[in-house]
C-alpha atoms as a PDB file:
ATOM      1  CA  MET A   1    -147.565  41.504  -3.344  1.00  0.00           C
ATOM      2  CA  SER A   2    -146.984  44.743  -1.424  1.00  0.00           C
ATOM      3  CA  TYR A   3    -143.706  46.629  -1.657  1.00  0.00           C
ATOM      4  CA  PRO A   4    -141.820  48.939   0.753  1.00  0.00           C
ATOM      5  CA  ALA A   5    -143.179  52.478   0.777  1.00  0.00           C
ATOM      6  CA  ALA A   6    -139.665  53.908   0.439  1.00  0.00           C
ATOM      7  CA  GLN A   7    -139.125  51.903  -2.742  1.00  0.00           C
ATOM      8  CA  LEU A   8    -142.407  53.063  -4.272  1.00  0.00           C
ATOM      9  CA  THR A   9    -141.758  56.693  -3.300  1.00  0.00           C
ATOM     10  CA  ASN A  10    -138.334  56.675  -4.946  1.00  0.00           C
ATOM     11  CA  SER A  11    -139.275  54.716  -8.063  1.00  0.00           C
ATOM     12  CA  LEU A  12    -138.756  56.325 -11.465  1.00  0.00           C
ATOM     13  CA  PRO A  13    -140.510  55.938 -14.844  1.00  0.00           C
ATOM     14  CA  LEU A  14    -137.662  53.588 -15.739  1.00  0.00           C
ATOM     15  CA  LEU A  15    -138.333  49.957 -16.653  1.00  0.00           C
ATOM     16  CA  LEU A  16    -136.083  47.008 -17.417  1.00  0.00           C
ATOM     17  CA  ILE A  17    -136.749  44.235 -19.946  1.00  0.00           C
ATOM     18  CA  CYS A  18    -134.635  41.072 -19.703  1.00  0.00           C
ATOM     19  CA  ASP A  19    -133.980  39.239 -22.972  1.00  0.00           C
ATOM     20  CA  ASN A  20    -132.262  35.832 -23.043  1.00  0.00           C
ATOM     21  CA  ILE A  21    -130.713  36.230 -19.576  1.00  0.00           C
ATOM     22  CA  ARG A  22    -129.994  32.589 -18.747  1.00  0.00           C
ATOM     23  CA  ASP A  23    -127.356  32.798 -16.029  1.00  0.00           C
ATOM     24  CA  PRO A  24    -128.993  32.787 -12.551  1.00  0.00           C
ATOM     25  CA  GLY A  25    -126.276  34.909 -10.986  1.00  0.00           C
ATOM     26  CA  ASN A  26    -126.557  37.509 -13.725  1.00  0.00           C
ATOM     27  CA  LEU A  27    -130.335  37.760 -13.472  1.00  0.00           C
ATOM     28  CA  GLY A  28    -130.270  38.061  -9.686  1.00  0.00           C
ATOM     29  CA  THR A  29    -127.612  40.783  -9.861  1.00  0.00           C
ATOM     30  CA  ILE A  30    -129.587  42.604 -12.575  1.00  0.00           C
ATOM     31  CA  LEU A  31    -132.730  42.564 -10.408  1.00  0.00           C
ATOM     32  CA  ARG A  32    -130.714  43.879  -7.462  1.00  0.00           C
ATOM     33  CA  SER A  33    -129.382  46.733  -9.635  1.00  0.00           C
ATOM     34  CA  ALA A  34    -132.883  47.494 -10.942  1.00  0.00           C
ATOM     35  CA  ALA A  35    -134.210  47.798  -7.390  1.00  0.00           C
ATOM     36  CA  ALA A  36    -131.255  49.967  -6.362  1.00  0.00           C
ATOM     37  CA  ALA A  37    -131.722  52.290  -9.348  1.00  0.00           C
ATOM     38  CA  GLY A  38    -135.413  52.741  -8.531  1.00  0.00           C
ATOM     39  CA  CYS A  39    -136.882  50.961 -11.519  1.00  0.00           C
ATOM     40  CA  GLU A  40    -140.648  50.973 -11.670  1.00  0.00           C
ATOM     41  CA  LYS A  41    -140.939  47.420 -12.978  1.00  0.00           C
ATOM     42  CA  VAL A  42    -138.954  44.532 -14.492  1.00  0.00           C
ATOM     43  CA  LEU A  43    -140.265  42.452 -17.384  1.00  0.00           C
ATOM     44  CA  ILE A  44    -138.695  39.034 -17.960  1.00  0.00           C
ATOM     45  CA  THR A  45    -139.378  37.396 -21.306  1.00  0.00           C
ATOM     46  CA  LYS A  46    -139.564  33.704 -22.150  1.00  0.00           C
ATOM     47  CA  GLY A  47    -136.112  32.230 -22.618  1.00  0.00           C
ATOM     48  CA  CYS A  48    -134.751  33.817 -19.438  1.00  0.00           C
ATOM     49  CA  VAL A  49    -133.991  31.804 -16.329  1.00  0.00           C
ATOM     50  CA  ASP A  50    -136.830  31.561 -13.789  1.00  0.00           C
ATOM     51  CA  PRO A  51    -136.491  34.619 -11.509  1.00  0.00           C
ATOM     52  CA  TRP A  52    -137.652  32.527  -8.537  1.00  0.00           C
ATOM     53  CA  GLU A  53    -134.931  29.920  -9.027  1.00  0.00           C
ATOM     54  CA  PRO A  54    -132.881  29.657  -5.775  1.00  0.00           C
ATOM     55  CA  LYS A  55    -129.622  30.974  -7.268  1.00  0.00           C
ATOM     56  CA  VAL A  56    -131.451  34.000  -8.695  1.00  0.00           C
ATOM     57  CA  LEU A  57    -133.069  34.688  -5.325  1.00  0.00           C
ATOM     58  CA  ARG A  58    -129.701  34.471  -3.592  1.00  0.00           C
ATOM     59  CA  ALA A  59    -128.038  36.881  -6.036  1.00  0.00           C
ATOM     60  CA  GLY A  60    -131.045  39.224  -5.906  1.00  0.00           C
ATOM     61  CA  MET A  61    -130.506  39.912  -2.181  1.00  0.00           C
ATOM     62  CA  GLY A  62    -134.173  40.760  -1.588  1.00  0.00           C
ATOM     63  CA  ALA A  63    -134.770  42.643  -4.855  1.00  0.00           C
ATOM     64  CA  HIS A  64    -137.693  40.330  -5.669  1.00  0.00           C
ATOM     65  CA  PHE A  65    -139.631  41.848  -2.780  1.00  0.00           C
ATOM     66  CA  ARG A  66    -138.822  45.475  -3.601  1.00  0.00           C
ATOM     67  CA  LEU A  67    -140.166  45.940  -7.125  1.00  0.00           C
ATOM     68  CA  PRO A  68    -142.789  44.318  -9.382  1.00  0.00           C
ATOM     69  CA  ILE A  69    -141.480  41.526 -11.607  1.00  0.00           C
ATOM     70  CA  SER A  70    -143.499  40.111 -14.517  1.00  0.00           C
ATOM     71  CA  ALA A  71    -141.957  36.854 -15.722  1.00  0.00           C
ATOM     72  CA  ASN A  72    -142.289  34.366 -18.585  1.00  0.00           C
ATOM     73  CA  LEU A  73    -143.731  36.987 -20.965  1.00  0.00           C
ATOM     74  CA  GLU A  74    -144.223  36.412 -24.662  1.00  0.00           C
ATOM     75  CA  TRP A  75    -142.850  39.315 -26.698  1.00  0.00           C
ATOM     76  CA  GLU A  76    -146.334  39.965 -28.081  1.00  0.00           C
ATOM     77  CA  SER A  77    -147.528  40.776 -24.560  1.00  0.00           C
ATOM     78  CA  VAL A  78    -144.624  43.051 -23.597  1.00  0.00           C
ATOM     79  CA  PRO A  79    -146.150  46.302 -25.000  1.00  0.00           C
ATOM     80  CA  SER A  80    -149.307  45.791 -22.915  1.00  0.00           C
ATOM     81  CA  ASN A  81    -147.101  45.610 -19.802  1.00  0.00           C
ATOM     82  CA  LEU A  82    -145.485  48.983 -20.534  1.00  0.00           C
ATOM     83  CA  PRO A  83    -146.935  52.405 -19.671  1.00  0.00           C
ATOM     84  CA  ALA A  84    -148.416  54.279 -22.617  1.00  0.00           C
ATOM     85  CA  GLY A  85    -145.836  56.167 -24.636  1.00  0.00           C
ATOM     86  CA  THR A  86    -142.837  54.198 -23.368  1.00  0.00           C
ATOM     87  CA  GLN A  87    -139.700  54.472 -25.475  1.00  0.00           C
ATOM     88  CA  VAL A  88    -137.706  51.228 -25.536  1.00  0.00           C
ATOM     89  CA  CYS A  89    -133.918  51.349 -25.879  1.00  0.00           C
ATOM     90  CA  VAL A  90    -131.531  48.400 -26.133  1.00  0.00           C
ATOM     91  CA  ALA A  91    -128.095  48.017 -24.578  1.00  0.00           C
ATOM     92  CA  ASP A  92    -125.737  46.927 -27.351  1.00  0.00           C
ATOM     93  CA  ASN A  93    -122.021  46.571 -28.041  1.00  0.00           C
ATOM     94  CA  LYS A  94    -122.089  48.041 -31.541  1.00  0.00           C
ATOM     95  CA  ASP A  95    -119.403  50.645 -32.309  1.00  0.00           C
ATOM     96  CA  PRO A  96    -121.033  54.079 -31.778  1.00  0.00           C
ATOM     97  CA  GLY A  97    -118.782  55.546 -34.487  1.00  0.00           C
ATOM     98  CA  SER A  98    -120.231  53.315 -37.193  1.00  0.00           C
ATOM     99  CA  PRO A  99    -123.210  54.391 -39.326  1.00  0.00           C
ATOM    100  CA  ALA A 100    -126.695  53.744 -37.933  1.00  0.00           C
ATOM    101  CA  LYS A 101    -127.442  50.862 -40.263  1.00  0.00           C
ATOM    102  CA  THR A 102    -128.784  47.366 -39.853  1.00  0.00           C
ATOM    103  CA  THR A 103    -126.261  45.157 -38.099  1.00  0.00           C
ATOM    104  CA  SER A 104    -125.716  41.435 -38.391  1.00  0.00           C
ATOM    105  CA  VAL A 105    -127.920  38.829 -36.763  1.00  0.00           C
ATOM    106  CA  PRO A 106    -127.664  38.989 -32.928  1.00  0.00           C
ATOM    107  CA  ARG A 107    -125.053  36.664 -31.531  1.00  0.00           C
ATOM    108  CA  GLY A 108    -126.486  33.220 -30.930  1.00  0.00           C
ATOM    109  CA  ALA A 109    -129.231  33.595 -33.522  1.00  0.00           C
ATOM    110  CA  GLY A 110    -127.430  31.305 -35.973  1.00  0.00           C
ATOM    111  CA  ARG A 111    -127.553  27.546 -36.095  1.00  0.00           C
ATOM    112  CA  ALA A 112    -125.782  25.623 -33.368  1.00  0.00           C
ATOM    113  CA  GLY A 113    -123.860  23.553 -35.881  1.00  0.00           C
ATOM    114  CA  SER A 114    -122.332  26.607 -37.484  1.00  0.00           C
ATOM    115  CA  ALA A 115    -120.958  28.145 -34.300  1.00  0.00           C
ATOM    116  CA  PRO A 116    -117.391  29.510 -34.613  1.00  0.00           C
ATOM    117  CA  GLY A 117    -114.777  27.078 -33.367  1.00  0.00           C
ATOM    118  CA  ASN A 118    -117.139  24.080 -33.449  1.00  0.00           C
ATOM    119  CA  THR A 119    -114.827  21.440 -34.895  1.00  0.00           C
ATOM    120  CA  LYS A 120    -117.579  18.806 -34.752  1.00  0.00           C
ATOM    121  CA  ALA A 121    -119.864  20.727 -37.075  1.00  0.00           C
ATOM    122  CA  PRO A 122    -120.622  18.695 -40.227  1.00  0.00           C
ATOM    123  CA  VAL A 123    -119.118  19.877 -43.502  1.00  0.00           C
ATOM    124  CA  LYS A 124    -121.915  21.170 -45.688  1.00  0.00           C
ATOM    125  CA  SER A 125    -122.201  20.664 -49.384  1.00  0.00           C
ATOM    126  CA  ARG A 126    -122.244  23.746 -51.614  1.00  0.00           C
ATOM    127  CA  PRO A 127    -126.075  23.817 -51.983  1.00  0.00           C
ATOM    128  CA  GLU A 128    -126.517  23.538 -48.185  1.00  0.00           C
ATOM    129  CA  ALA A 129    -123.932  26.271 -47.576  1.00  0.00           C
ATOM    130  CA  ALA A 130    -125.667  28.504 -50.095  1.00  0.00           C
ATOM    131  CA  LEU A 131    -129.008  27.947 -48.364  1.00  0.00           C
ATOM    132  CA  ASP A 132    -127.476  28.791 -44.983  1.00  0.00           C
ATOM    133  CA  HIS A 133    -126.028  31.992 -46.444  1.00  0.00           C
ATOM    134  CA  GLU A 134    -129.440  32.921 -47.820  1.00  0.00           C
ATOM    135  CA  ASP A 135    -131.042  32.233 -44.430  1.00  0.00           C
ATOM    136  CA  GLU A 136    -128.483  34.471 -42.727  1.00  0.00           C
ATOM    137  CA  GLU A 137    -129.115  37.259 -45.231  1.00  0.00           C
ATOM    138  CA  GLU A 138    -132.883  36.996 -44.718  1.00  0.00           C
ATOM    139  CA  ALA A 139    -132.447  37.084 -40.921  1.00  0.00           C
ATOM    140  CA  ALA A 140    -130.135  40.110 -41.147  1.00  0.00           C
ATOM    141  CA  ALA A 141    -132.571  41.905 -43.442  1.00  0.00           C
ATOM    142  CA  ASP A 142    -135.318  41.360 -40.861  1.00  0.00           C
ATOM    143  CA  ILE A 143    -133.435  43.333 -38.192  1.00  0.00           C
ATOM    144  CA  PRO A 144    -134.608  46.967 -38.065  1.00  0.00           C
ATOM    145  CA  GLU A 145    -132.339  49.999 -38.151  1.00  0.00           C
ATOM    146  CA  LEU A 146    -131.760  51.775 -34.854  1.00  0.00           C
ATOM    147  CA  ALA A 147    -129.780  54.925 -34.190  1.00  0.00           C
ATOM    148  CA  THR A 148    -126.688  54.180 -32.108  1.00  0.00           C
ATOM    149  CA  GLN A 149    -125.239  56.405 -29.401  1.00  0.00           C
ATOM    150  CA  CYS A 150    -123.143  56.226 -26.238  1.00  0.00           C
ATOM    151  CA  TYR A 151    -125.068  55.460 -23.065  1.00  0.00           C
ATOM    152  CA  TYR A 152    -124.137  58.783 -21.428  1.00  0.00           C
ATOM    153  CA  GLU A 153    -125.741  60.860 -24.184  1.00  0.00           C
ATOM    154  CA  ASP A 154    -129.298  62.129 -23.760  1.00  0.00           C
ATOM    155  CA  TRP A 155    -131.812  59.303 -24.251  1.00  0.00           C
ATOM    156  CA  ALA A 156    -133.969  58.946 -21.125  1.00  0.00           C
ATOM    157  CA  ARG A 157    -137.486  60.206 -21.696  1.00  0.00           C
ATOM    158  CA  THR A 158    -140.551  59.673 -19.503  1.00  0.00           C
ATOM    159  CA  PRO A 159    -141.285  56.789 -19.426  1.00  0.00           C
ATOM    160  CA  VAL A 160    -138.409  54.702 -20.802  1.00  0.00           C
ATOM    161  CA  ALA A 161    -137.505  51.013 -20.827  1.00  0.00           C
ATOM    162  CA  VAL A 162    -134.094  49.408 -21.338  1.00  0.00           C
ATOM    163  CA  VAL A 163    -133.580  45.923 -22.808  1.00  0.00           C
ATOM    164  CA  ILE A 164    -130.599  43.905 -21.564  1.00  0.00           C
ATOM    165  CA  GLY A 165    -129.654  40.839 -23.614  1.00  0.00           C
ATOM    166  CA  GLY A 166    -127.872  37.702 -22.450  1.00  0.00           C
ATOM    167  CA  GLU A 167    -124.166  37.190 -23.047  1.00  0.00           C
ATOM    168  CA  THR A 168    -124.553  33.972 -25.041  1.00  0.00           C
ATOM    169  CA  HIS A 169    -127.452  34.762 -27.358  1.00  0.00           C
ATOM    170  CA  GLY A 170    -127.486  38.537 -27.269  1.00  0.00           C
ATOM    171  CA  LEU A 171    -130.488  40.652 -28.183  1.00  0.00           C
ATOM    172  CA  SER A 172    -133.377  38.953 -29.940  1.00  0.00           C
ATOM    173  CA  ALA A 173    -134.942  40.283 -33.129  1.00  0.00           C
ATOM    174  CA  ASP A 174    -138.149  40.784 -31.105  1.00  0.00           C
ATOM    175  CA  ALA A 175    -136.348  43.215 -28.788  1.00  0.00           C
ATOM    176  CA  LEU A 176    -134.971  45.196 -31.716  1.00  0.00           C
ATOM    177  CA  HIS A 177    -138.372  45.366 -33.416  1.00  0.00           C
ATOM    178  CA  LEU A 178    -139.986  46.609 -30.198  1.00  0.00           C
ATOM    179  CA  ALA A 179    -137.334  49.305 -29.823  1.00  0.00           C
ATOM    180  CA  ALA A 180    -137.750  50.391 -33.447  1.00  0.00           C
ATOM    181  CA  SER A 181    -141.532  50.626 -33.070  1.00  0.00           C
ATOM    182  CA  THR A 182    -141.119  53.084 -30.178  1.00  0.00           C
ATOM    183  CA  GLY A 183    -138.369  55.203 -31.717  1.00  0.00           C
ATOM    184  CA  GLY A 184    -135.775  53.712 -29.367  1.00  0.00           C
ATOM    185  CA  LYS A 185    -131.994  53.610 -29.726  1.00  0.00           C
ATOM    186  CA  ARG A 186    -129.012  51.333 -29.293  1.00  0.00           C
ATOM    187  CA  LEU A 187    -127.074  52.385 -26.178  1.00  0.00           C
ATOM    188  CA  VAL A 188    -123.378  51.556 -26.265  1.00  0.00           C
ATOM    189  CA  ILE A 189    -120.918  51.473 -23.364  1.00  0.00           C
ATOM    190  CA  PRO A 190    -117.519  52.245 -24.952  1.00  0.00           C
ATOM    191  CA  VAL A 191    -114.769  49.839 -23.928  1.00  0.00           C
ATOM    192  CA  VAL A 192    -111.057  49.626 -24.649  1.00  0.00           C
ATOM    193  CA  PRO A 193    -110.307  48.120 -28.095  1.00  0.00           C
ATOM    194  CA  GLY A 194    -109.853  44.372 -27.895  1.00  0.00           C
ATOM    195  CA  VAL A 195    -112.435  43.875 -25.141  1.00  0.00           C
ATOM    196  CA  ASP A 196    -115.459  42.127 -26.644  1.00  0.00           C
ATOM    197  CA  SER A 197    -118.177  43.242 -24.219  1.00  0.00           C
ATOM    198  CA  LEU A 198    -119.120  43.691 -20.589  1.00  0.00           C
ATOM    199  CA  ASN A 199    -120.866  41.228 -18.315  1.00  0.00           C
ATOM    200  CA  ALA A 200    -124.646  41.599 -18.758  1.00  0.00           C
ATOM    201  CA  ALA A 201    -125.239  42.482 -15.096  1.00  0.00           C
ATOM    202  CA  ILE A 202    -122.499  45.133 -15.105  1.00  0.00           C
ATOM    203  CA  ALA A 203    -123.849  46.650 -18.332  1.00  0.00           C
ATOM    204  CA  ALA A 204    -127.363  46.723 -16.892  1.00  0.00           C
ATOM    205  CA  ALA A 205    -126.197  48.583 -13.768  1.00  0.00           C
ATOM    206  CA  ILE A 206    -124.275  51.177 -15.795  1.00  0.00           C
ATOM    207  CA  VAL A 207    -127.152  51.909 -18.170  1.00  0.00           C
ATOM    208  CA  LEU A 208    -129.864  51.914 -15.487  1.00  0.00           C
ATOM    209  CA  PHE A 209    -128.031  54.312 -13.201  1.00  0.00           C
ATOM    210  CA  GLU A 210    -127.276  56.600 -16.139  1.00  0.00           C
ATOM    211  CA  GLY A 211    -130.976  56.512 -17.013  1.00  0.00           C
ATOM    212  CA  LYS A 212    -131.756  57.420 -13.393  1.00  0.00           C
ATOM    213  CA  ARG A 213    -129.318  60.349 -13.534  1.00  0.00           C
ATOM    214  CA  GLN A 214    -130.868  61.687 -16.730  1.00  0.00           C
ATOM    215  CA  LEU A 215    -134.445  61.335 -15.460  1.00  0.00           C
ATOM    216  CA  LEU A 216    -133.652  63.090 -12.174  1.00  0.00           C
ATOM    217  CA  ARG A 217    -131.884  65.898 -14.033  1.00  0.00           C
ATOM    218  CA  ARG A 218    -134.868  66.301 -16.335  1.00  0.00           C
ATOM    219  CA  HIS A 219    -137.208  66.347 -13.319  1.00  0.00           C
ATOM    220  CA  LYS A 220    -135.183  69.126 -11.675  1.00  0.00           C
ATOM    221  CA  GLU A 221    -135.223  71.152 -14.896  1.00  0.00           C
ATOM    222  CA  ASP A 222    -139.004  70.784 -15.124  1.00  0.00           C
ATOM    223  CA  ASP A 223    -139.379  71.907 -11.490  1.00  0.00           C
ATOM    224  CA  ARG A 224    -137.287  75.021 -12.132  1.00  0.00           C
ATOM    225  CA  GLN A 225    -139.455  75.926 -15.097  1.00  0.00           C
ATOM    226  CA  LYS A 226    -142.584  75.675 -12.929  1.00  0.00           C
ATOM    227  CA  VAL A 227    -141.288  78.103 -10.296  1.00  0.00           C
ATOM    228  CA  PRO A 228    -143.058  81.464 -10.832  1.00  0.00           C
ATOM    229  CA  VAL A 229    -140.832  84.479 -11.425  1.00  0.00           C
ATOM    230  CA  ALA A 230    -141.456  87.311  -8.963  1.00  0.00           C
ATOM    231  CA  GLY A 231    -142.687  90.460 -10.686  1.00  0.00           C
END
């Protein structure tokens, strides 16, 4: 597929990775924001809604035809779809004031029967409950540590990729492992106390446009350093 010259000329070394985005409207809006921010490419992993589903196309408002989209990717193949040296950061709702330690299992990673507020969940015997607790501890221990900072702090390097997780299941352990392997960070958008989190599409737009701002600022600084000083 060919893309508009203006889009290619204004693209940045900024990529987006979608993780567990299952709402068609959200994915379409995220793709539209990625195109508007000048993202170089969007990677969509397995578990996300089909980007060519009609509701996604409608919400995308033509974004599908403005930037490359690689869909239905296994996490093992994601690194090969990234430029060499890409740092991967994840958008998260962890409190930036808390220590940079391993957090609990991403929301939605637990068993369906143990979901909060599920009154139909069967009552487990003590041995079963103990096993579930051990499983949760093992899953939490498998999540790597990532430094946490606010999204407006300096994080955008060249090239950089941002992972946006779905609202129901959150970030996958695969996304966190990929970020840790590249020296990435958790990027937090501070919200008023009592508000759980932002809509995934809104969060994606905020983080992507901040990444664009930082990359353009860095580009201008590099250009100034290249200008020869008159003797």
